[in-house]
Amino acid sequence: MMIHEITQKAGAYKNRKRVGRGPGSGTGKTAGRGHKGAGSRSGHSHRPAHEGGQMPLFRRIPKRGFGNSMFETVYTVINIKALDARFSDGQDVNGESLYKAGLIRSVNVKVKVLGTGDTRKKLNVTAAAFSKSAQDKITKAGGTATVA
């Protein structure tokens, strides 16, 4: 056994702090709660952002602008070279087949096909969106690019 193995195990588990167990413990008498006031009483809790009467941070910082992030359409991007590598000639490429091939995480995501790479396979691709170059490459190879 080496010294680094001993210290690794020695610091692995820390004993919980037992408060209110006499003056020798260092956390006796008031058990770390101080004297009087709501904080010393049982059942007391405060809001996570409460700053004790000081103007809270979320009110001190100015609010600016409007964001459309809630309304943006998020696509899972797939390139033509990935389709060419995973699918054979004449095969139908849709959400389910992409999921089975391991190219997307869920059948429910919107897929956009981009034009990086080349294909000579006739693929019948159905996706939510296509880039112009991807659409051209698929049709040039003899396949179809259907927007669904």
N, C-alpha and C. Protein backbone atom coordinates (compact mmCIF):
# COMPACT_ATOMS: atom_id res chain seq x y z
N MET A 1 0.84 -1.19 0.00
CA MET A 1 0.00 0.00 0.00
C MET A 1 0.87 1.24 0.00
N MET A 2 0.50 2.22 -0.84
CA MET A 2 1.29 3.44 -0.96
C MET A 2 0.63 4.57 -0.16
N ILE A 3 1.41 5.60 0.16
CA ILE A 3 0.92 6.71 0.99
C ILE A 3 -0.23 7.46 0.32
N HIS A 4 -0.20 7.58 -1.01
CA HIS A 4 -1.28 8.30 -1.67
C HIS A 4 -2.59 7.51 -1.64
N GLU A 5 -2.52 6.18 -1.49
CA GLU A 5 -3.73 5.37 -1.36
C GLU A 5 -4.36 5.52 0.02
N ILE A 6 -3.53 5.65 1.04
CA ILE A 6 -4.03 5.83 2.41
C ILE A 6 -4.77 7.15 2.54
N THR A 7 -4.11 8.25 2.11
CA THR A 7 -4.72 9.57 2.26
C THR A 7 -5.98 9.71 1.43
N GLN A 8 -6.05 9.01 0.31
CA GLN A 8 -7.25 9.06 -0.53
C GLN A 8 -8.46 8.54 0.25
N LYS A 9 -8.26 7.43 0.98
CA LYS A 9 -9.36 6.82 1.72
C LYS A 9 -9.64 7.59 3.02
N ALA A 10 -8.58 8.14 3.64
CA ALA A 10 -8.73 8.84 4.91
C ALA A 10 -9.63 10.06 4.80
N GLY A 11 -9.54 10.80 3.70
CA GLY A 11 -10.35 12.01 3.55
C GLY A 11 -11.67 11.78 2.82
N ALA A 12 -12.00 10.52 2.59
CA ALA A 12 -13.19 10.23 1.77
C ALA A 12 -14.49 10.51 2.50
N TYR A 13 -14.54 10.25 3.79
CA TYR A 13 -15.78 10.41 4.55
C TYR A 13 -15.57 11.37 5.71
N LYS A 14 -16.44 12.36 5.80
CA LYS A 14 -16.31 13.38 6.83
C LYS A 14 -17.45 13.19 7.83
N ASN A 15 -17.15 13.22 9.12
CA ASN A 15 -18.19 13.09 10.13
C ASN A 15 -19.08 14.33 10.13
N ARG A 16 -20.38 14.15 10.33
CA ARG A 16 -21.27 15.30 10.36
C ARG A 16 -21.03 16.11 11.63
N LYS A 17 -21.30 17.40 11.58
CA LYS A 17 -21.09 18.29 12.71
C LYS A 17 -22.26 18.13 13.69
N ARG A 18 -21.93 17.73 14.93
CA ARG A 18 -22.97 17.57 15.95
C ARG A 18 -22.98 18.84 16.80
N VAL A 19 -24.01 19.68 16.57
CA VAL A 19 -24.07 20.97 17.25
C VAL A 19 -24.85 20.85 18.55
N GLY A 20 -24.57 21.79 19.48
CA GLY A 20 -25.29 21.83 20.76
C GLY A 20 -24.91 20.69 21.68
N ARG A 21 -23.65 20.27 21.68
CA ARG A 21 -23.20 19.15 22.52
C ARG A 21 -22.08 19.59 23.47
N GLY A 22 -22.33 20.69 24.18
CA GLY A 22 -21.41 21.11 25.23
C GLY A 22 -20.34 22.10 24.78
N PRO A 23 -19.72 22.79 25.76
CA PRO A 23 -18.76 23.85 25.45
C PRO A 23 -17.48 23.33 24.80
N GLY A 24 -17.10 22.09 25.05
CA GLY A 24 -15.87 21.56 24.49
C GLY A 24 -15.92 21.34 22.98
N SER A 25 -17.11 21.24 22.45
CA SER A 25 -17.25 20.95 21.01
C SER A 25 -17.02 22.18 20.14
N GLY A 26 -17.16 23.37 20.76
CA GLY A 26 -17.02 24.61 19.99
C GLY A 26 -18.34 25.05 19.37
N THR A 27 -19.33 24.18 19.36
CA THR A 27 -20.66 24.56 18.85
C THR A 27 -21.73 24.23 19.89
N GLY A 28 -21.40 24.43 21.17
CA GLY A 28 -22.36 24.18 22.26
C GLY A 28 -23.25 25.38 22.49
N LYS A 29 -24.00 25.37 23.56
CA LYS A 29 -24.90 26.45 23.98
C LYS A 29 -25.86 26.89 22.89
N THR A 30 -25.51 27.87 22.06
CA THR A 30 -26.45 28.37 21.05
C THR A 30 -26.39 27.57 19.74
N ALA A 31 -25.52 26.60 19.66
CA ALA A 31 -25.41 25.69 18.52
C ALA A 31 -25.20 26.41 17.19
N GLY A 32 -24.41 27.50 17.22
CA GLY A 32 -24.08 28.21 15.98
C GLY A 32 -25.18 29.12 15.49
N ARG A 33 -26.26 29.31 16.31
CA ARG A 33 -27.39 30.14 15.87
C ARG A 33 -27.33 31.58 16.39
N GLY A 34 -26.35 31.89 17.20
CA GLY A 34 -26.26 33.26 17.73
C GLY A 34 -27.25 33.47 18.86
N HIS A 35 -27.46 34.75 19.25
CA HIS A 35 -28.35 35.07 20.35
C HIS A 35 -29.63 35.71 19.84
N LYS A 36 -30.74 35.27 20.33
CA LYS A 36 -32.07 35.84 20.05
C LYS A 36 -32.37 36.03 18.56
N GLY A 37 -33.51 36.59 18.26
CA GLY A 37 -33.89 36.87 16.88
C GLY A 37 -34.49 35.66 16.19
N ALA A 38 -35.10 35.93 15.02
CA ALA A 38 -35.80 34.89 14.28
C ALA A 38 -34.87 33.75 13.87
N GLY A 39 -33.62 34.08 13.57
CA GLY A 39 -32.66 33.06 13.12
C GLY A 39 -32.32 32.05 14.18
N SER A 40 -32.54 32.40 15.46
CA SER A 40 -32.24 31.46 16.53
C SER A 40 -33.40 30.52 16.82
N ARG A 41 -34.56 30.86 16.31
CA ARG A 41 -35.77 30.08 16.59
C ARG A 41 -35.94 28.92 15.58
N SER A 42 -36.63 27.89 16.05
CA SER A 42 -36.90 26.78 15.14
C SER A 42 -37.97 27.19 14.14
N GLY A 43 -37.92 26.62 12.95
CA GLY A 43 -38.94 26.92 11.93
C GLY A 43 -38.64 28.15 11.10
N HIS A 44 -37.56 28.88 11.45
CA HIS A 44 -37.25 30.09 10.69
C HIS A 44 -36.62 29.76 9.34
N SER A 45 -37.08 30.43 8.30
CA SER A 45 -36.43 30.32 6.99
C SER A 45 -36.60 31.65 6.28
N HIS A 46 -35.71 31.97 5.36
CA HIS A 46 -35.83 33.21 4.60
C HIS A 46 -35.73 32.90 3.11
N ARG A 47 -36.23 33.84 2.29
CA ARG A 47 -36.17 33.65 0.83
C ARG A 47 -34.71 33.52 0.40
N PRO A 48 -34.45 32.73 -0.61
CA PRO A 48 -33.06 32.55 -1.05
C PRO A 48 -32.38 33.86 -1.45
N ALA A 49 -33.11 34.82 -2.03
CA ALA A 49 -32.50 36.06 -2.49
C ALA A 49 -32.64 37.20 -1.47
N HIS A 50 -33.11 36.91 -0.26
CA HIS A 50 -33.35 37.97 0.73
C HIS A 50 -32.04 38.58 1.20
N GLU A 51 -31.99 39.91 1.22
CA GLU A 51 -30.77 40.62 1.61
C GLU A 51 -30.98 41.52 2.81
N GLY A 52 -32.01 41.24 3.61
CA GLY A 52 -32.21 41.93 4.88
C GLY A 52 -32.55 43.39 4.76
N GLY A 53 -33.40 43.79 3.84
CA GLY A 53 -33.81 45.18 3.71
C GLY A 53 -33.01 45.95 2.68
N GLN A 54 -31.81 45.47 2.37
CA GLN A 54 -31.04 46.08 1.28
C GLN A 54 -31.76 45.82 -0.03
N MET A 55 -31.64 46.76 -0.96
CA MET A 55 -32.29 46.57 -2.27
C MET A 55 -31.72 45.31 -2.92
N PRO A 56 -32.57 44.33 -3.22
CA PRO A 56 -32.06 43.06 -3.75
C PRO A 56 -31.36 43.21 -5.10
N LEU A 57 -30.46 42.28 -5.36
CA LEU A 57 -29.65 42.33 -6.57
C LEU A 57 -30.51 42.37 -7.83
N PHE A 58 -31.56 41.56 -7.87
CA PHE A 58 -32.39 41.52 -9.08
C PHE A 58 -33.14 42.83 -9.33
N ARG A 59 -33.23 43.69 -8.30
CA ARG A 59 -33.84 45.01 -8.49
C ARG A 59 -32.80 46.10 -8.72
N ARG A 60 -31.56 45.83 -8.36
CA ARG A 60 -30.49 46.82 -8.58
C ARG A 60 -29.99 46.81 -10.02
N ILE A 61 -30.10 45.67 -10.69
CA ILE A 61 -29.59 45.54 -12.05
C ILE A 61 -30.66 45.99 -13.05
N PRO A 62 -30.30 46.83 -14.01
CA PRO A 62 -31.30 47.31 -14.97
C PRO A 62 -31.79 46.19 -15.89
N LYS A 63 -33.05 46.29 -16.25
CA LYS A 63 -33.64 45.33 -17.19
C LYS A 63 -33.57 45.96 -18.57
N ARG A 64 -33.14 45.17 -19.55
CA ARG A 64 -32.98 45.74 -20.89
C ARG A 64 -33.50 44.81 -21.96
N GLY A 65 -34.21 45.38 -22.91
CA GLY A 65 -34.56 44.68 -24.14
C GLY A 65 -35.55 43.55 -24.01
N PHE A 66 -35.72 42.89 -25.12
CA PHE A 66 -36.67 41.79 -25.24
C PHE A 66 -35.98 40.66 -25.98
N GLY A 67 -36.18 39.44 -25.54
CA GLY A 67 -35.53 38.30 -26.18
C GLY A 67 -36.54 37.41 -26.87
N ASN A 68 -36.23 36.98 -28.05
CA ASN A 68 -37.10 36.07 -28.78
C ASN A 68 -36.69 34.61 -28.60
N SER A 69 -35.85 34.33 -27.61
CA SER A 69 -35.33 32.98 -27.44
C SER A 69 -36.42 31.95 -27.20
N MET A 70 -37.54 32.37 -26.63
CA MET A 70 -38.64 31.43 -26.40
C MET A 70 -39.30 30.99 -27.70
N PHE A 71 -39.17 31.80 -28.73
CA PHE A 71 -39.89 31.54 -29.97
C PHE A 71 -39.01 31.01 -31.10
N GLU A 72 -37.71 30.84 -30.84
CA GLU A 72 -36.83 30.40 -31.91
C GLU A 72 -37.05 28.92 -32.22
N THR A 73 -36.83 28.55 -33.46
CA THR A 73 -36.93 27.16 -33.88
C THR A 73 -35.55 26.53 -33.79
N VAL A 74 -35.43 25.49 -33.00
CA VAL A 74 -34.15 24.83 -32.80
C VAL A 74 -34.10 23.56 -33.65
N TYR A 75 -33.08 23.47 -34.50
CA TYR A 75 -32.92 22.31 -35.37
C TYR A 75 -31.73 21.47 -34.92
N THR A 76 -31.85 20.17 -35.10
CA THR A 76 -30.71 19.28 -34.97
C THR A 76 -30.09 19.20 -36.36
N VAL A 77 -28.80 19.51 -36.45
CA VAL A 77 -28.14 19.64 -37.74
C VAL A 77 -27.45 18.33 -38.13
N ILE A 78 -27.68 17.91 -39.38
CA ILE A 78 -27.03 16.72 -39.92
C ILE A 78 -26.46 17.07 -41.29
N ASN A 79 -25.22 16.67 -41.54
CA ASN A 79 -24.58 16.94 -42.82
C ASN A 79 -24.77 15.76 -43.78
N ILE A 80 -24.63 16.06 -45.07
CA ILE A 80 -24.80 15.04 -46.10
C ILE A 80 -23.78 13.92 -45.96
N LYS A 81 -22.56 14.26 -45.53
CA LYS A 81 -21.54 13.22 -45.39
C LYS A 81 -21.94 12.17 -44.35
N ALA A 82 -22.69 12.59 -43.30
CA ALA A 82 -23.17 11.64 -42.29
C ALA A 82 -24.25 10.72 -42.88
N LEU A 83 -25.11 11.28 -43.71
CA LEU A 83 -26.14 10.47 -44.38
C LEU A 83 -25.49 9.48 -45.33
N ASP A 84 -24.49 9.94 -46.06
CA ASP A 84 -23.79 9.09 -47.02
C ASP A 84 -23.09 7.92 -46.33
N ALA A 85 -22.55 8.18 -45.13
CA ALA A 85 -21.82 7.15 -44.39
C ALA A 85 -22.76 6.10 -43.78
N ARG A 86 -23.95 6.52 -43.34
CA ARG A 86 -24.82 5.63 -42.58
C ARG A 86 -25.93 4.95 -43.38
N PHE A 87 -26.27 5.49 -44.55
CA PHE A 87 -27.40 4.93 -45.30
C PHE A 87 -26.96 4.38 -46.65
N SER A 88 -27.67 3.36 -47.11
CA SER A 88 -27.34 2.73 -48.39
C SER A 88 -28.19 3.33 -49.51
N ASP A 89 -27.85 3.00 -50.74
CA ASP A 89 -28.50 3.56 -51.93
C ASP A 89 -29.99 3.21 -51.96
N GLY A 90 -30.83 4.21 -52.25
CA GLY A 90 -32.27 4.02 -52.37
C GLY A 90 -33.03 3.96 -51.06
N GLN A 91 -32.37 4.20 -49.96
CA GLN A 91 -33.01 4.10 -48.65
C GLN A 91 -33.78 5.37 -48.30
N ASP A 92 -34.87 5.21 -47.52
CA ASP A 92 -35.64 6.35 -47.04
C ASP A 92 -35.00 6.87 -45.76
N VAL A 93 -34.77 8.18 -45.72
CA VAL A 93 -34.17 8.80 -44.54
C VAL A 93 -35.20 9.72 -43.92
N ASN A 94 -35.65 9.38 -42.70
CA ASN A 94 -36.60 10.22 -41.97
C ASN A 94 -36.21 10.23 -40.50
N GLY A 95 -37.04 10.82 -39.65
CA GLY A 95 -36.72 10.94 -38.23
C GLY A 95 -36.45 9.60 -37.56
N GLU A 96 -37.28 8.61 -37.88
CA GLU A 96 -37.13 7.30 -37.26
C GLU A 96 -35.84 6.60 -37.68
N SER A 97 -35.53 6.66 -38.98
CA SER A 97 -34.31 6.01 -39.47
C SER A 97 -33.06 6.73 -38.97
N LEU A 98 -33.13 8.05 -38.82
CA LEU A 98 -32.01 8.82 -38.28
C LEU A 98 -31.77 8.46 -36.81
N TYR A 99 -32.86 8.26 -36.08
CA TYR A 99 -32.77 7.88 -34.66
C TYR A 99 -32.14 6.49 -34.52
N LYS A 100 -32.58 5.56 -35.37
CA LYS A 100 -32.04 4.19 -35.33
C LYS A 100 -30.56 4.17 -35.72
N ALA A 101 -30.17 5.08 -36.63
CA ALA A 101 -28.77 5.17 -37.05
C ALA A 101 -27.89 5.88 -36.02
N GLY A 102 -28.53 6.48 -34.99
CA GLY A 102 -27.78 7.15 -33.92
C GLY A 102 -27.35 8.56 -34.26
N LEU A 103 -28.01 9.18 -35.25
CA LEU A 103 -27.64 10.54 -35.66
C LEU A 103 -28.40 11.61 -34.89
N ILE A 104 -29.58 11.27 -34.35
CA ILE A 104 -30.34 12.22 -33.54
C ILE A 104 -30.73 11.55 -32.22
N ARG A 105 -31.01 12.37 -31.21
CA ARG A 105 -31.29 11.85 -29.87
C ARG A 105 -32.73 11.42 -29.68
N SER A 106 -33.64 12.00 -30.45
CA SER A 106 -35.06 11.70 -30.29
C SER A 106 -35.75 11.77 -31.64
N VAL A 107 -36.84 11.07 -31.79
CA VAL A 107 -37.61 11.09 -33.03
C VAL A 107 -38.34 12.42 -33.18
N ASN A 108 -38.58 13.10 -32.04
CA ASN A 108 -39.39 14.32 -32.03
C ASN A 108 -38.66 15.60 -32.38
N VAL A 109 -37.33 15.57 -32.54
CA VAL A 109 -36.59 16.80 -32.85
C VAL A 109 -36.74 17.19 -34.31
N LYS A 110 -36.59 18.49 -34.58
CA LYS A 110 -36.63 18.98 -35.96
C LYS A 110 -35.23 18.86 -36.55
N VAL A 111 -35.16 18.29 -37.74
CA VAL A 111 -33.86 18.03 -38.37
C VAL A 111 -33.66 18.97 -39.55
N LYS A 112 -32.46 19.55 -39.63
CA LYS A 112 -32.08 20.35 -40.79
C LYS A 112 -30.86 19.69 -41.42
N VAL A 113 -30.94 19.46 -42.72
CA VAL A 113 -29.85 18.81 -43.45
C VAL A 113 -29.00 19.90 -44.10
N LEU A 114 -27.69 19.86 -43.82
CA LEU A 114 -26.75 20.82 -44.38
C LEU A 114 -25.87 20.13 -45.42
N GLY A 115 -25.23 20.94 -46.27
CA GLY A 115 -24.55 20.41 -47.44
C GLY A 115 -23.09 20.10 -47.34
N THR A 116 -22.54 19.88 -46.14
CA THR A 116 -21.13 19.52 -46.02
C THR A 116 -20.94 18.08 -46.45
N GLY A 117 -20.03 17.85 -47.36
CA GLY A 117 -19.77 16.51 -47.88
C GLY A 117 -20.49 16.27 -49.20
N ASP A 118 -20.29 15.08 -49.77
CA ASP A 118 -20.91 14.71 -51.04
C ASP A 118 -21.58 13.36 -50.92
N THR A 119 -22.53 13.12 -51.82
CA THR A 119 -23.17 11.80 -51.88
C THR A 119 -23.43 11.42 -53.33
N ARG A 120 -23.30 10.14 -53.59
CA ARG A 120 -23.65 9.61 -54.91
C ARG A 120 -24.82 8.64 -54.78
N LYS A 121 -25.34 8.52 -53.57
CA LYS A 121 -26.44 7.60 -53.30
C LYS A 121 -27.78 8.29 -53.51
N LYS A 122 -28.75 7.53 -54.03
CA LYS A 122 -30.11 8.06 -54.19
C LYS A 122 -30.83 7.90 -52.86
N LEU A 123 -30.90 8.98 -52.11
CA LEU A 123 -31.55 8.95 -50.81
C LEU A 123 -32.85 9.75 -50.86
N ASN A 124 -33.91 9.21 -50.29
CA ASN A 124 -35.18 9.91 -50.18
C ASN A 124 -35.26 10.52 -48.78
N VAL A 125 -34.82 11.76 -48.67
CA VAL A 125 -34.67 12.40 -47.36
C VAL A 125 -35.90 13.24 -47.03
N THR A 126 -36.46 13.01 -45.83
CA THR A 126 -37.57 13.82 -45.32
C THR A 126 -37.08 14.51 -44.05
N ALA A 127 -37.09 15.84 -44.05
CA ALA A 127 -36.61 16.61 -42.90
C ALA A 127 -37.40 17.90 -42.76
N ALA A 128 -37.22 18.60 -41.65
CA ALA A 128 -37.93 19.85 -41.40
C ALA A 128 -37.39 20.98 -42.26
N ALA A 129 -36.09 20.93 -42.58
CA ALA A 129 -35.49 21.98 -43.40
C ALA A 129 -34.23 21.47 -44.09
N PHE A 130 -33.90 22.12 -45.21
CA PHE A 130 -32.70 21.80 -45.97
C PHE A 130 -31.98 23.09 -46.32
N SER A 131 -30.65 23.04 -46.35
CA SER A 131 -29.92 24.17 -46.92
C SER A 131 -29.99 24.01 -48.43
N LYS A 132 -29.78 25.10 -49.14
CA LYS A 132 -29.87 25.08 -50.61
C LYS A 132 -28.87 24.09 -51.20
N SER A 133 -27.63 24.10 -50.67
CA SER A 133 -26.59 23.21 -51.19
C SER A 133 -26.92 21.74 -50.92
N ALA A 134 -27.52 21.45 -49.76
CA ALA A 134 -27.89 20.08 -49.42
C ALA A 134 -28.98 19.58 -50.36
N GLN A 135 -29.95 20.43 -50.61
CA GLN A 135 -31.05 20.07 -51.50
C GLN A 135 -30.53 19.79 -52.91
N ASP A 136 -29.63 20.63 -53.37
CA ASP A 136 -29.03 20.46 -54.70
C ASP A 136 -28.26 19.15 -54.80
N LYS A 137 -27.45 18.84 -53.79
CA LYS A 137 -26.64 17.63 -53.81
C LYS A 137 -27.48 16.37 -53.78
N ILE A 138 -28.57 16.39 -53.01
CA ILE A 138 -29.46 15.21 -52.92
C ILE A 138 -30.15 14.98 -54.25
N THR A 139 -30.68 16.06 -54.85
CA THR A 139 -31.40 15.91 -56.13
C THR A 139 -30.44 15.58 -57.27
N LYS A 140 -29.22 16.10 -57.22
CA LYS A 140 -28.21 15.83 -58.25
C LYS A 140 -27.82 14.35 -58.25
N ALA A 141 -27.83 13.74 -57.05
CA ALA A 141 -27.50 12.31 -56.94
C ALA A 141 -28.67 11.43 -57.35
N GLY A 142 -29.85 12.03 -57.58
CA GLY A 142 -31.02 11.26 -58.02
C GLY A 142 -32.02 10.99 -56.92
N GLY A 143 -31.78 11.56 -55.73
CA GLY A 143 -32.70 11.35 -54.61
C GLY A 143 -33.72 12.46 -54.52
N THR A 144 -34.52 12.43 -53.45
CA THR A 144 -35.53 13.47 -53.24
C THR A 144 -35.32 14.11 -51.87
N ALA A 145 -35.58 15.40 -51.79
CA ALA A 145 -35.50 16.15 -50.53
C ALA A 145 -36.89 16.71 -50.24
N THR A 146 -37.57 16.10 -49.27
CA THR A 146 -38.95 16.50 -48.94
C THR A 146 -38.97 17.24 -47.62
N VAL A 147 -39.59 18.42 -47.60
CA VAL A 147 -39.74 19.21 -46.38
C VAL A 147 -41.02 18.76 -45.69
N ALA A 148 -40.87 18.32 -44.43
CA ALA A 148 -42.05 17.85 -43.68
C ALA A 148 -42.25 18.70 -42.45
